Amino acid sequence: MDNIQAIHGRAEEYSKKVETREHYDIVTSRAVARLNVLLEYMLPFTKVGGKCICMKSVNIEEELEEAKKAIKILGGEIEKIDTIILPQTDISRNLIIIKKVKNTPNKYPRKAGTPAKEPIV
């Protein structure tokens, strides 16, 4: 793949840096946290017009409901949800695609540990 950048570090720190905040067209993850917490880590990296692609399990209705407020506050909106079958298995997963429609408020993400302990609900 060309034009790819991997960053190793805490999302809460790197997403506050001018060179990485709201800088990326696509931000992706898998098996990190519940959606409302995950998006607090991801959307600050995503530029307006960009997308967050979150891989989640098959039962996502509760997480989607729980994440509605976080999606709105953090500047996103659900664009679509695709169900895929993992290659060479019969295991299905959902790809939740969130489009960034406005800037994330500067107070997000909050300091390390806070999003998981006090998620946006």
PDB file of N, CA and C in Angstrom:
ATOM      1  N   MET A   1       0.837  -1.184   0.000  1.00  0.00           N
ATOM      2  CA  MET A   1       0.000   0.000   0.000  1.00  0.00           C
ATOM      3  C   MET A   1       0.881   1.245   0.000  1.00  0.00           C
ATOM      4  N   ASP A   2       0.445   2.231  -0.701  1.00  0.00           N
ATOM      5  CA  ASP A   2       1.164   3.498  -0.758  1.00  0.00           C
ATOM      6  C   ASP A   2       0.447   4.538   0.098  1.00  0.00           C
ATOM      7  N   ASN A   3       1.206   5.553   0.500  1.00  0.00           N
ATOM      8  CA  ASN A   3       0.653   6.699   1.213  1.00  0.00           C
ATOM      9  C   ASN A   3      -0.070   6.294   2.499  1.00  0.00           C
ATOM     10  N   ILE A   4       0.539   5.405   3.270  1.00  0.00           N
ATOM     11  CA  ILE A   4       0.008   4.925   4.544  1.00  0.00           C
ATOM     12  C   ILE A   4       0.941   5.379   5.651  1.00  0.00           C
ATOM     13  N   GLN A   5       0.362   5.793   6.765  1.00  0.00           N
ATOM     14  CA  GLN A   5       1.169   6.197   7.911  1.00  0.00           C
ATOM     15  C   GLN A   5       0.678   5.455   9.140  1.00  0.00           C
ATOM     16  N   ALA A   6       1.564   4.734   9.803  1.00  0.00           N
ATOM     17  CA  ALA A   6       1.235   4.054  11.060  1.00  0.00           C
ATOM     18  C   ALA A   6       1.801   4.879  12.208  1.00  0.00           C
ATOM     19  N   ILE A   7       0.995   5.064  13.234  1.00  0.00           N
ATOM     20  CA  ILE A   7       1.409   5.833  14.404  1.00  0.00           C
ATOM     21  C   ILE A   7       1.261   4.939  15.618  1.00  0.00           C
ATOM     22  N   HIS A   8       2.282   4.908  16.456  1.00  0.00           N
ATOM     23  CA  HIS A   8       2.222   4.118  17.683  1.00  0.00           C
ATOM     24  C   HIS A   8       2.230   5.069  18.874  1.00  0.00           C
ATOM     25  N   GLY A   9       1.160   5.069  19.626  1.00  0.00           N
ATOM     26  CA  GLY A   9       1.062   5.935  20.793  1.00  0.00           C
ATOM     27  C   GLY A   9      -0.372   6.030  21.250  1.00  0.00           C
ATOM     28  N   ARG A  10      -0.603   6.733  22.323  1.00  0.00           N
ATOM     29  CA  ARG A  10      -1.949   6.892  22.870  1.00  0.00           C
ATOM     30  C   ARG A  10      -2.755   7.862  22.002  1.00  0.00           C
ATOM     31  N   ALA A  11      -3.960   7.461  21.660  1.00  0.00           N
ATOM     32  CA  ALA A  11      -4.840   8.306  20.865  1.00  0.00           C
ATOM     33  C   ALA A  11      -5.111   9.633  21.570  1.00  0.00           C
ATOM     34  N   GLU A  12      -5.243   9.574  22.890  1.00  0.00           N
ATOM     35  CA  GLU A  12      -5.546  10.790  23.653  1.00  0.00           C
ATOM     36  C   GLU A  12      -4.434  11.831  23.526  1.00  0.00           C
ATOM     37  N   GLU A  13      -3.217  11.400  23.274  1.00  0.00           N
ATOM     38  CA  GLU A  13      -2.093  12.327  23.127  1.00  0.00           C
ATOM     39  C   GLU A  13      -1.906  12.746  21.666  1.00  0.00           C
ATOM     40  N   TYR A  14      -1.856  11.781  20.763  1.00  0.00           N
ATOM     41  CA  TYR A  14      -1.573  12.082  19.360  1.00  0.00           C
ATOM     42  C   TYR A  14      -2.678  12.883  18.676  1.00  0.00           C
ATOM     43  N   SER A  15      -3.915  12.698  19.098  1.00  0.00           N
ATOM     44  CA  SER A  15      -4.994  13.432  18.431  1.00  0.00           C
ATOM     45  C   SER A  15      -5.061  14.891  18.859  1.00  0.00           C
ATOM     46  N   LYS A  16      -4.272  15.278  19.844  1.00  0.00           N
ATOM     47  CA  LYS A  16      -4.195  16.691  20.258  1.00  0.00           C
ATOM     48  C   LYS A  16      -3.107  17.437  19.478  1.00  0.00           C
ATOM     49  N   LYS A  17      -2.232  16.705  18.798  1.00  0.00           N
ATOM     50  CA  LYS A  17      -1.127  17.329  18.059  1.00  0.00           C
ATOM     51  C   LYS A  17      -1.636  17.937  16.752  1.00  0.00           C
ATOM     52  N   VAL A  18      -1.163  19.128  16.434  1.00  0.00           N
ATOM     53  CA  VAL A  18      -1.592  19.841  15.224  1.00  0.00           C
ATOM     54  C   VAL A  18      -1.372  18.988  13.979  1.00  0.00           C
ATOM     55  N   GLU A  19      -0.253  18.274  13.925  1.00  0.00           N
ATOM     56  CA  GLU A  19       0.073  17.509  12.712  1.00  0.00           C
ATOM     57  C   GLU A  19      -0.766  16.241  12.539  1.00  0.00           C
ATOM     58  N   THR A  20      -1.517  15.813  13.557  1.00  0.00           N
ATOM     59  CA  THR A  20      -2.327  14.605  13.433  1.00  0.00           C
ATOM     60  C   THR A  20      -3.818  14.833  13.696  1.00  0.00           C
ATOM     61  N   ARG A  21      -4.184  15.934  14.319  1.00  0.00           N
ATOM     62  CA  ARG A  21      -5.592  16.184  14.615  1.00  0.00           C
ATOM     63  C   ARG A  21      -6.346  16.550  13.336  1.00  0.00           C
ATOM     64  N   GLU A  22      -7.459  15.848  13.119  1.00  0.00           N
ATOM     65  CA  GLU A  22      -8.327  16.068  11.967  1.00  0.00           C
ATOM     66  C   GLU A  22      -7.523  16.133  10.664  1.00  0.00           C
ATOM     67  N   HIS A  23      -6.646  15.158  10.526  1.00  0.00           N
ATOM     68  CA  HIS A  23      -5.682  15.137   9.429  1.00  0.00           C
ATOM     69  C   HIS A  23      -5.910  13.990   8.438  1.00  0.00           C
ATOM     70  N   TYR A  24      -6.602  12.940   8.837  1.00  0.00           N
ATOM     71  CA  TYR A  24      -6.644  11.705   8.050  1.00  0.00           C
ATOM     72  C   TYR A  24      -7.982  11.503   7.336  1.00  0.00           C
ATOM     73  N   ASP A  25      -7.894  10.980   6.116  1.00  0.00           N
ATOM     74  CA  ASP A  25      -9.079  10.674   5.318  1.00  0.00           C
ATOM     75  C   ASP A  25      -9.827   9.472   5.879  1.00  0.00           C
ATOM     76  N   ILE A  26      -9.087   8.460   6.318  1.00  0.00           N
ATOM     77  CA  ILE A  26      -9.692   7.230   6.829  1.00  0.00           C
ATOM     78  C   ILE A  26      -8.977   6.838   8.119  1.00  0.00           C
ATOM     79  N   VAL A  27      -9.770   6.544   9.132  1.00  0.00           N
ATOM     80  CA  VAL A  27      -9.251   6.039  10.401  1.00  0.00           C
ATOM     81  C   VAL A  27     -10.006   4.738  10.659  1.00  0.00           C
ATOM     82  N   THR A  28      -9.279   3.683  10.984  1.00  0.00           N
ATOM     83  CA  THR A  28      -9.916   2.384  11.162  1.00  0.00           C
ATOM     84  C   THR A  28      -9.462   1.714  12.448  1.00  0.00           C
ATOM     85  N   SER A  29     -10.266   0.766  12.898  1.00  0.00           N
ATOM     86  CA  SER A  29      -9.938   0.022  14.115  1.00  0.00           C
ATOM     87  C   SER A  29     -10.715  -1.279  14.133  1.00  0.00           C
ATOM     88  N   ARG A  30     -10.324  -2.124  15.044  1.00  0.00           N
ATOM     89  CA  ARG A  30     -11.087  -3.349  15.309  1.00  0.00           C
ATOM     90  C   ARG A  30     -10.835  -3.778  16.744  1.00  0.00           C
ATOM     91  N   ALA A  31     -11.893  -4.246  17.389  1.00  0.00           N
ATOM     92  CA  ALA A  31     -11.813  -4.834  18.727  1.00  0.00           C
ATOM     93  C   ALA A  31     -11.076  -3.946  19.734  1.00  0.00           C
ATOM     94  N   VAL A  32     -11.471  -2.680  19.812  1.00  0.00           N
ATOM     95  CA  VAL A  32     -10.818  -1.749  20.738  1.00  0.00           C
ATOM     96  C   VAL A  32     -11.704  -1.453  21.935  1.00  0.00           C
ATOM     97  N   ALA A  33     -12.936  -1.022  21.700  1.00  0.00           N
ATOM     98  CA  ALA A  33     -13.823  -0.598  22.784  1.00  0.00           C
ATOM     99  C   ALA A  33     -15.244  -0.519  22.240  1.00  0.00           C
ATOM    100  N   ARG A  34     -16.184  -0.238  23.119  1.00  0.00           N
ATOM    101  CA  ARG A  34     -17.554   0.005  22.679  1.00  0.00           C
ATOM    102  C   ARG A  34     -17.549   1.235  21.767  1.00  0.00           C
ATOM    103  N   LEU A  35     -18.507   1.322  20.893  1.00  0.00           N
ATOM    104  CA  LEU A  35     -18.502   2.325  19.834  1.00  0.00           C
ATOM    105  C   LEU A  35     -18.434   3.757  20.366  1.00  0.00           C
ATOM    106  N   ASN A  36     -19.171   4.085  21.436  1.00  0.00           N
ATOM    107  CA  ASN A  36     -19.141   5.459  21.930  1.00  0.00           C
ATOM    108  C   ASN A  36     -17.759   5.847  22.458  1.00  0.00           C
ATOM    109  N   VAL A  37     -17.035   4.897  23.027  1.00  0.00           N
ATOM    110  CA  VAL A  37     -15.666   5.135  23.503  1.00  0.00           C
ATOM    111  C   VAL A  37     -14.706   5.160  22.315  1.00  0.00           C
ATOM    112  N   LEU A  38     -14.845   4.208  21.435  1.00  0.00           N
ATOM    113  CA  LEU A  38     -13.980   4.091  20.266  1.00  0.00           C
ATOM    114  C   LEU A  38     -13.993   5.362  19.421  1.00  0.00           C
ATOM    115  N   LEU A  39     -15.155   5.927  19.207  1.00  0.00           N
ATOM    116  CA  LEU A  39     -15.250   7.125  18.372  1.00  0.00           C
ATOM    117  C   LEU A  39     -14.627   8.346  19.033  1.00  0.00           C
ATOM    118  N   GLU A  40     -14.578   8.377  20.350  1.00  0.00           N
ATOM    119  CA  GLU A  40     -13.871   9.474  21.015  1.00  0.00           C
ATOM    120  C   GLU A  40     -12.377   9.393  20.734  1.00  0.00           C
ATOM    121  N   TYR A  41     -11.874   8.200  20.493  1.00  0.00           N
ATOM    122  CA  TYR A  41     -10.470   8.033  20.105  1.00  0.00           C
ATOM    123  C   TYR A  41     -10.259   8.319  18.614  1.00  0.00           C
ATOM    124  N   MET A  42     -11.206   7.928  17.769  1.00  0.00           N
ATOM    125  CA  MET A  42     -11.015   7.953  16.322  1.00  0.00           C
ATOM    126  C   MET A  42     -11.385   9.269  15.636  1.00  0.00           C
ATOM    127  N   LEU A  43     -12.545   9.829  15.964  1.00  0.00           N
ATOM    128  CA  LEU A  43     -13.019  10.997  15.229  1.00  0.00           C
ATOM    129  C   LEU A  43     -12.103  12.218  15.346  1.00  0.00           C
ATOM    130  N   PRO A  44     -11.397  12.442  16.452  1.00  0.00           N
ATOM    131  CA  PRO A  44     -10.472  13.584  16.470  1.00  0.00           C
ATOM    132  C   PRO A  44      -9.342  13.481  15.440  1.00  0.00           C
ATOM    133  N   PHE A  45      -9.009  12.291  14.978  1.00  0.00           N
ATOM    134  CA  PHE A  45      -7.985  12.109  13.940  1.00  0.00           C
ATOM    135  C   PHE A  45      -8.536  12.337  12.531  1.00  0.00           C
ATOM    136  N   THR A  46      -9.841  12.210  12.375  1.00  0.00           N
ATOM    137  CA  THR A  46     -10.477  12.191  11.062  1.00  0.00           C
ATOM    138  C   THR A  46     -10.789  13.602  10.579  1.00  0.00           C
ATOM    139  N   LYS A  47     -10.393  13.894   9.347  1.00  0.00           N
ATOM    140  CA  LYS A  47     -10.695  15.218   8.792  1.00  0.00           C
ATOM    141  C   LYS A  47     -12.166  15.288   8.407  1.00  0.00           C
ATOM    142  N   VAL A  48     -12.720  16.486   8.387  1.00  0.00           N
ATOM    143  CA  VAL A  48     -14.095  16.670   7.938  1.00  0.00           C
ATOM    144  C   VAL A  48     -14.186  16.169   6.496  1.00  0.00           C
ATOM    145  N   GLY A  49     -15.165  15.328   6.245  1.00  0.00           N
ATOM    146  CA  GLY A  49     -15.305  14.675   4.945  1.00  0.00           C
ATOM    147  C   GLY A  49     -14.672  13.297   4.920  1.00  0.00           C
ATOM    148  N   GLY A  50     -13.847  12.992   5.931  1.00  0.00           N
ATOM    149  CA  GLY A  50     -13.220  11.675   6.039  1.00  0.00           C
ATOM    150  C   GLY A  50     -14.144  10.665   6.705  1.00  0.00           C
ATOM    151  N   LYS A  51     -13.619   9.465   6.895  1.00  0.00           N
ATOM    152  CA  LYS A  51     -14.449   8.384   7.433  1.00  0.00           C
ATOM    153  C   LYS A  51     -13.729   7.585   8.502  1.00  0.00           C
ATOM    154  N   CYS A  52     -14.498   7.152   9.478  1.00  0.00           N
ATOM    155  CA  CYS A  52     -14.049   6.173  10.469  1.00  0.00           C
ATOM    156  C   CYS A  52     -14.686   4.849  10.087  1.00  0.00           C
ATOM    157  N   ILE A  53     -13.887   3.807  10.033  1.00  0.00           N
ATOM    158  CA  ILE A  53     -14.402   2.476   9.722  1.00  0.00           C
ATOM    159  C   ILE A  53     -14.144   1.607  10.943  1.00  0.00           C
ATOM    160  N   CYS A  54     -15.224   1.203  11.595  1.00  0.00           N
ATOM    161  CA  CYS A  54     -15.143   0.439  12.846  1.00  0.00           C
ATOM    162  C   CYS A  54     -15.636  -0.976  12.614  1.00  0.00           C
ATOM    163  N   MET A  55     -14.784  -1.965  12.860  1.00  0.00           N
ATOM    164  CA  MET A  55     -15.211  -3.352  12.753  1.00  0.00           C
ATOM    165  C   MET A  55     -15.791  -3.781  14.097  1.00  0.00           C
ATOM    166  N   LYS A  56     -17.020  -4.260  14.055  1.00  0.00           N
ATOM    167  CA  LYS A  56     -17.714  -4.684  15.265  1.00  0.00           C
ATOM    168  C   LYS A  56     -18.340  -6.052  15.035  1.00  0.00           C
ATOM    169  N   SER A  57     -18.788  -6.668  16.120  1.00  0.00           N
ATOM    170  CA  SER A  57     -19.412  -7.985  16.032  1.00  0.00           C
ATOM    171  C   SER A  57     -20.782  -7.884  15.359  1.00  0.00           C
ATOM    172  N   VAL A  58     -21.503  -8.985  15.351  1.00  0.00           N
ATOM    173  CA  VAL A  58     -22.776  -9.024  14.642  1.00  0.00           C
ATOM    174  C   VAL A  58     -23.908  -8.348  15.406  1.00  0.00           C
ATOM    175  N   ASN A  59     -23.878  -8.340  16.708  1.00  0.00           N
ATOM    176  CA  ASN A  59     -24.956  -7.748  17.507  1.00  0.00           C
ATOM    177  C   ASN A  59     -24.577  -6.328  17.906  1.00  0.00           C
ATOM    178  N   ILE A  60     -24.948  -5.360  17.062  1.00  0.00           N
ATOM    179  CA  ILE A  60     -24.485  -3.991  17.278  1.00  0.00           C
ATOM    180  C   ILE A  60     -25.599  -3.012  17.633  1.00  0.00           C
ATOM    181  N   GLU A  61     -26.844  -3.465  17.649  1.00  0.00           N
ATOM    182  CA  GLU A  61     -27.958  -2.546  17.849  1.00  0.00           C
ATOM    183  C   GLU A  61     -27.822  -1.751  19.145  1.00  0.00           C
ATOM    184  N   GLU A  62     -27.481  -2.425  20.237  1.00  0.00           N
ATOM    185  CA  GLU A  62     -27.340  -1.749  21.531  1.00  0.00           C
ATOM    186  C   GLU A  62     -26.203  -0.723  21.491  1.00  0.00           C
ATOM    187  N   GLU A  63     -25.073  -1.101  20.897  1.00  0.00           N
ATOM    188  CA  GLU A  63     -23.940  -0.174  20.794  1.00  0.00           C
ATOM    189  C   GLU A  63     -24.282   1.038  19.936  1.00  0.00           C
ATOM    190  N   LEU A  64     -24.997   0.827  18.854  1.00  0.00           N
ATOM    191  CA  LEU A  64     -25.387   1.945  17.991  1.00  0.00           C
ATOM    192  C   LEU A  64     -26.286   2.920  18.740  1.00  0.00           C
ATOM    193  N   GLU A  65     -27.240   2.396  19.470  1.00  0.00           N
ATOM    194  CA  GLU A  65     -28.138   3.250  20.255  1.00  0.00           C
ATOM    195  C   GLU A  65     -27.350   4.028  21.307  1.00  0.00           C
ATOM    196  N   GLU A  66     -26.470   3.329  21.997  1.00  0.00           N
ATOM    197  CA  GLU A  66     -25.647   3.923  23.045  1.00  0.00           C
ATOM    198  C   GLU A  66     -24.695   4.995  22.489  1.00  0.00           C
ATOM    199  N   ALA A  67     -24.312   4.889  21.229  1.00  0.00           N
ATOM    200  CA  ALA A  67     -23.326   5.787  20.633  1.00  0.00           C
ATOM    201  C   ALA A  67     -23.924   6.998  19.924  1.00  0.00           C
ATOM    202  N   LYS A  68     -25.250   7.088  19.817  1.00  0.00           N
ATOM    203  CA  LYS A  68     -25.872   8.186  19.059  1.00  0.00           C
ATOM    204  C   LYS A  68     -25.396   9.563  19.519  1.00  0.00           C
ATOM    205  N   LYS A  69     -25.395   9.800  20.805  1.00  0.00           N
ATOM    206  CA  LYS A  69     -24.997  11.110  21.333  1.00  0.00           C
ATOM    207  C   LYS A  69     -23.524  11.383  21.045  1.00  0.00           C
ATOM    208  N   ALA A  70     -22.668  10.385  21.255  1.00  0.00           N
ATOM    209  CA  ALA A  70     -21.238  10.550  21.012  1.00  0.00           C
ATOM    210  C   ALA A  70     -20.972  10.869  19.544  1.00  0.00           C
ATOM    211  N   ILE A  71     -21.652  10.177  18.650  1.00  0.00           N
ATOM    212  CA  ILE A  71     -21.463  10.418  17.220  1.00  0.00           C
ATOM    213  C   ILE A  71     -21.771  11.876  16.893  1.00  0.00           C
ATOM    214  N   LYS A  72     -22.879  12.378  17.406  1.00  0.00           N
ATOM    215  CA  LYS A  72     -23.281  13.761  17.134  1.00  0.00           C
ATOM    216  C   LYS A  72     -22.297  14.758  17.747  1.00  0.00           C
ATOM    217  N   ILE A  73     -21.970  14.593  19.020  1.00  0.00           N
ATOM    218  CA  ILE A  73     -21.061  15.515  19.715  1.00  0.00           C
ATOM    219  C   ILE A  73     -19.691  15.552  19.050  1.00  0.00           C
ATOM    220  N   LEU A  74     -19.198  14.401  18.637  1.00  0.00           N
ATOM    221  CA  LEU A  74     -17.842  14.299  18.094  1.00  0.00           C
ATOM    222  C   LEU A  74     -17.748  14.688  16.616  1.00  0.00           C
ATOM    223  N   GLY A  75     -18.888  14.984  15.988  1.00  0.00           N
ATOM    224  CA  GLY A  75     -18.870  15.500  14.625  1.00  0.00           C
ATOM    225  C   GLY A  75     -19.109  14.476  13.539  1.00  0.00           C
ATOM    226  N   GLY A  76     -19.699  13.348  13.880  1.00  0.00           N
ATOM    227  CA  GLY A  76     -19.910  12.314  12.874  1.00  0.00           C
ATOM    228  C   GLY A  76     -21.369  12.048  12.588  1.00  0.00           C
ATOM    229  N   GLU A  77     -21.586  11.244  11.577  1.00  0.00           N
ATOM    230  CA  GLU A  77     -22.908  10.690  11.313  1.00  0.00           C
ATOM    231  C   GLU A  77     -22.711   9.336  10.643  1.00  0.00           C
ATOM    232  N   ILE A  78     -23.605   8.418  10.946  1.00  0.00           N
ATOM    233  CA  ILE A  78     -23.502   7.081  10.359  1.00  0.00           C
ATOM    234  C   ILE A  78     -23.805   7.185   8.871  1.00  0.00           C
ATOM    235  N   GLU A  79     -22.858   6.732   8.064  1.00  0.00           N
ATOM    236  CA  GLU A  79     -23.057   6.727   6.614  1.00  0.00           C
ATOM    237  C   GLU A  79     -23.681   5.413   6.168  1.00  0.00           C
ATOM    238  N   LYS A  80     -23.123   4.307   6.670  1.00  0.00           N
ATOM    239  CA  LYS A  80     -23.697   2.999   6.340  1.00  0.00           C
ATOM    240  C   LYS A  80     -23.094   1.937   7.237  1.00  0.00           C
ATOM    241  N   ILE A  81     -23.748   0.803   7.231  1.00  0.00           N
ATOM    242  CA  ILE A  81     -23.266  -0.363   7.965  1.00  0.00           C
ATOM    243  C   ILE A  81     -23.252  -1.525   6.982  1.00  0.00           C
ATOM    244  N   ASP A  82     -22.087  -2.111   6.807  1.00  0.00           N
ATOM    245  CA  ASP A  82     -21.934  -3.258   5.913  1.00  0.00           C
ATOM    246  C   ASP A  82     -21.653  -4.499   6.744  1.00  0.00           C
ATOM    247  N   THR A  83     -22.277  -5.592   6.377  1.00  0.00           N
ATOM    248  CA  THR A  83     -21.983  -6.881   7.008  1.00  0.00           C
ATOM    249  C   THR A  83     -21.075  -7.649   6.056  1.00  0.00           C
ATOM    250  N   ILE A  84     -19.987  -8.162   6.607  1.00  0.00           N
ATOM    251  CA  ILE A  84     -19.033  -8.923   5.795  1.00  0.00           C
ATOM    252  C   ILE A  84     -18.817 -10.295   6.428  1.00  0.00           C
ATOM    253  N   ILE A  85     -18.326 -11.214   5.640  1.00  0.00           N
ATOM    254  CA  ILE A  85     -17.888 -12.523   6.126  1.00  0.00           C
ATOM    255  C   ILE A  85     -16.367 -12.518   6.072  1.00  0.00           C
ATOM    256  N   LEU A  86     -15.735 -12.831   7.180  1.00  0.00           N
ATOM    257  CA  LEU A  86     -14.276 -12.855   7.218  1.00  0.00           C
ATOM    258  C   LEU A  86     -13.759 -13.934   6.267  1.00  0.00           C
ATOM    259  N   PRO A  87     -12.712 -13.627   5.508  1.00  0.00           N
ATOM    260  CA  PRO A  87     -12.196 -14.583   4.523  1.00  0.00           C
ATOM    261  C   PRO A  87     -11.864 -15.945   5.136  1.00  0.00           C
ATOM    262  N   GLN A  88     -12.202 -16.970   4.407  1.00  0.00           N
ATOM    263  CA  GLN A  88     -11.913 -18.356   4.764  1.00  0.00           C
ATOM    264  C   GLN A  88     -12.549 -18.779   6.080  1.00  0.00           C
ATOM    265  N   THR A  89     -13.670 -18.119   6.450  1.00  0.00           N
ATOM    266  CA  THR A  89     -14.423 -18.486   7.653  1.00  0.00           C
ATOM    267  C   THR A  89     -15.901 -18.329   7.356  1.00  0.00           C
ATOM    268  N   ASP A  90     -16.722 -18.661   8.343  1.00  0.00           N
ATOM    269  CA  ASP A  90     -18.149 -18.347   8.258  1.00  0.00           C
ATOM    270  C   ASP A  90     -18.521 -17.299   9.308  1.00  0.00           C
ATOM    271  N   ILE A  91     -17.530 -16.536   9.757  1.00  0.00           N
ATOM    272  CA  ILE A  91     -17.712 -15.530  10.803  1.00  0.00           C
ATOM    273  C   ILE A  91     -18.079 -14.189  10.170  1.00  0.00           C
ATOM    274  N   SER A  92     -19.181 -13.606  10.628  1.00  0.00           N
ATOM    275  CA  SER A  92     -19.574 -12.309  10.085  1.00  0.00           C
ATOM    276  C   SER A  92     -19.223 -11.179  11.052  1.00  0.00           C
ATOM    277  N   ARG A  93     -18.998 -10.025  10.490  1.00  0.00           N
ATOM    278  CA  ARG A  93     -18.684  -8.806  11.231  1.00  0.00           C
ATOM    279  C   ARG A  93     -19.403  -7.649  10.563  1.00  0.00           C
ATOM    280  N   ASN A  94     -19.603  -6.587  11.316  1.00  0.00           N
ATOM    281  CA  ASN A  94     -20.189  -5.365  10.779  1.00  0.00           C
ATOM    282  C   ASN A  94     -19.114  -4.304  10.657  1.00  0.00           C
ATOM    283  N   LEU A  95     -19.132  -3.601   9.543  1.00  0.00           N
ATOM    284  CA  LEU A  95     -18.287  -2.433   9.366  1.00  0.00           C
ATOM    285  C   LEU A  95     -19.198  -1.219   9.484  1.00  0.00           C
ATOM    286  N   ILE A  96     -19.001  -0.453  10.553  1.00  0.00           N
ATOM    287  CA  ILE A  96     -19.784   0.753  10.765  1.00  0.00           C
ATOM    288  C   ILE A  96     -18.967   1.903  10.193  1.00  0.00           C
ATOM    289  N   ILE A  97     -19.523   2.570   9.217  1.00  0.00           N
ATOM    290  CA  ILE A  97     -18.805   3.650   8.540  1.00  0.00           C
ATOM    291  C   ILE A  97     -19.424   4.974   8.983  1.00  0.00           C
ATOM    292  N   ILE A  98     -18.601   5.764   9.664  1.00  0.00           N
ATOM    293  CA  ILE A  98     -19.012   7.053  10.205  1.00  0.00           C
ATOM    294  C   ILE A  98     -18.346   8.144   9.368  1.00  0.00           C
ATOM    295  N   LYS A  99     -19.136   9.025   8.793  1.00  0.00           N
ATOM    296  CA  LYS A  99     -18.591  10.160   8.038  1.00  0.00           C
ATOM    297  C   LYS A  99     -18.424  11.339   8.986  1.00  0.00           C
ATOM    298  N   LYS A 100     -17.280  12.005   8.890  1.00  0.00           N
ATOM    299  CA  LYS A 100     -17.008  13.193   9.712  1.00  0.00           C
ATOM    300  C   LYS A 100     -17.637  14.389   9.015  1.00  0.00           C
ATOM    301  N   VAL A 101     -18.629  15.010   9.667  1.00  0.00           N
ATOM    302  CA  VAL A 101     -19.368  16.108   9.051  1.00  0.00           C
ATOM    303  C   VAL A 101     -19.055  17.475   9.663  1.00  0.00           C
ATOM    304  N   LYS A 102     -18.423  17.484  10.825  1.00  0.00           N
ATOM    305  CA  LYS A 102     -18.011  18.756  11.434  1.00  0.00           C
ATOM    306  C   LYS A 102     -16.837  18.500  12.367  1.00  0.00           C
ATOM    307  N   ASN A 103     -16.133  19.565  12.716  1.00  0.00           N
ATOM    308  CA  ASN A 103     -14.971  19.438  13.590  1.00  0.00           C
ATOM    309  C   ASN A 103     -15.358  18.894  14.958  1.00  0.00           C
ATOM    310  N   THR A 104     -14.456  18.104  15.518  1.00  0.00           N
ATOM    311  CA  THR A 104     -14.624  17.590  16.875  1.00  0.00           C
ATOM    312  C   THR A 104     -14.248  18.692  17.859  1.00  0.00           C
ATOM    313  N   PRO A 105     -15.072  18.938  18.882  1.00  0.00           N
ATOM    314  CA  PRO A 105     -14.702  19.948  19.882  1.00  0.00           C
ATOM    315  C   PRO A 105     -13.326  19.640  20.491  1.00  0.00           C
ATOM    316  N   ASN A 106     -12.567  20.687  20.767  1.00  0.00           N
ATOM    317  CA  ASN A 106     -11.191  20.542  21.244  1.00  0.00           C
ATOM    318  C   ASN A 106     -11.060  19.770  22.548  1.00  0.00           C
ATOM    319  N   LYS A 107     -12.099  19.692  23.342  1.00  0.00           N
ATOM    320  CA  LYS A 107     -11.978  18.976  24.624  1.00  0.00           C
ATOM    321  C   LYS A 107     -11.933  17.451  24.452  1.00  0.00           C
ATOM    322  N   TYR A 108     -12.170  16.972  23.216  1.00  0.00           N
ATOM    323  CA  TYR A 108     -12.124  15.534  22.948  1.00  0.00           C
ATOM    324  C   TYR A 108     -10.894  15.187  22.143  1.00  0.00           C
ATOM    325  N   PRO A 109     -10.269  14.055  22.413  1.00  0.00           N
ATOM    326  CA  PRO A 109     -10.609  13.118  23.473  1.00  0.00           C
ATOM    327  C   PRO A 109     -10.155  13.653  24.829  1.00  0.00           C
ATOM    328  N   ARG A 110     -10.833  13.186  25.832  1.00  0.00           N
ATOM    329  CA  ARG A 110     -10.472  13.558  27.193  1.00  0.00           C
ATOM    330  C   ARG A 110      -9.227  12.789  27.619  1.00  0.00           C
ATOM    331  N   LYS A 111      -8.691  13.087  28.793  1.00  0.00           N
ATOM    332  CA  LYS A 111      -7.434  12.472  29.230  1.00  0.00           C
ATOM    333  C   LYS A 111      -7.543  10.949  29.299  1.00  0.00           C
ATOM    334  N   ALA A 112      -6.399  10.291  29.247  1.00  0.00           N
ATOM    335  CA  ALA A 112      -6.319   8.825  29.214  1.00  0.00           C
ATOM    336  C   ALA A 112      -7.162   8.199  30.316  1.00  0.00           C
ATOM    337  N   GLY A 113      -7.952   7.225  29.940  1.00  0.00           N
ATOM    338  CA  GLY A 113      -8.784   6.487  30.875  1.00  0.00           C
ATOM    339  C   GLY A 113     -10.179   7.047  31.035  1.00  0.00           C
ATOM    340  N   THR A 114     -10.362   8.327  30.816  1.00  0.00           N
ATOM    341  CA  THR A 114     -11.674   8.954  31.021  1.00  0.00           C
ATOM    342  C   THR A 114     -12.730   8.460  30.049  1.00  0.00           C
ATOM    343  N   PRO A 115     -12.449   8.343  28.741  1.00  0.00           N
ATOM    344  CA  PRO A 115     -13.508   7.880  27.839  1.00  0.00           C
ATOM    345  C   PRO A 115     -14.095   6.521  28.237  1.00  0.00           C
ATOM    346  N   ALA A 116     -13.265   5.604  28.690  1.00  0.00           N
ATOM    347  CA  ALA A 116     -13.758   4.285  29.082  1.00  0.00           C
ATOM    348  C   ALA A 116     -14.502   4.330  30.414  1.00  0.00           C
ATOM    349  N   LYS A 117     -14.022   5.146  31.343  1.00  0.00           N
ATOM    350  CA  LYS A 117     -14.651   5.232  32.682  1.00  0.00           C
ATOM    351  C   LYS A 117     -15.925   6.055  32.660  1.00  0.00           C
ATOM    352  N   GLU A 118     -15.955   7.093  31.822  1.00  0.00           N
ATOM    353  CA  GLU A 118     -17.098   7.998  31.750  1.00  0.00           C
ATOM    354  C   GLU A 118     -17.466   8.233  30.295  1.00  0.00           C
ATOM    355  N   PRO A 119     -17.981   7.205  29.607  1.00  0.00           N
ATOM    356  CA  PRO A 119     -18.288   7.350  28.186  1.00  0.00           C
ATOM    357  C   PRO A 119     -19.397   8.374  27.932  1.00  0.00           C
ATOM    358  N   ILE A 120     -19.379   8.946  26.739  1.00  0.00           N
ATOM    359  CA  ILE A 120     -20.451   9.848  26.313  1.00  0.00           C
ATOM    360  C   ILE A 120     -21.688   8.991  26.071  1.00  0.00           C
ATOM    361  N   VAL A 121     -22.751   9.246  26.808  1.00  0.00           N
ATOM    362  CA  VAL A 121     -24.009   8.505  26.604  1.00  0.00           C
ATOM    363  C   VAL A 121     -25.192   9.452  26.578  1.00  0.00           C
TER     364      VAL A 121
END
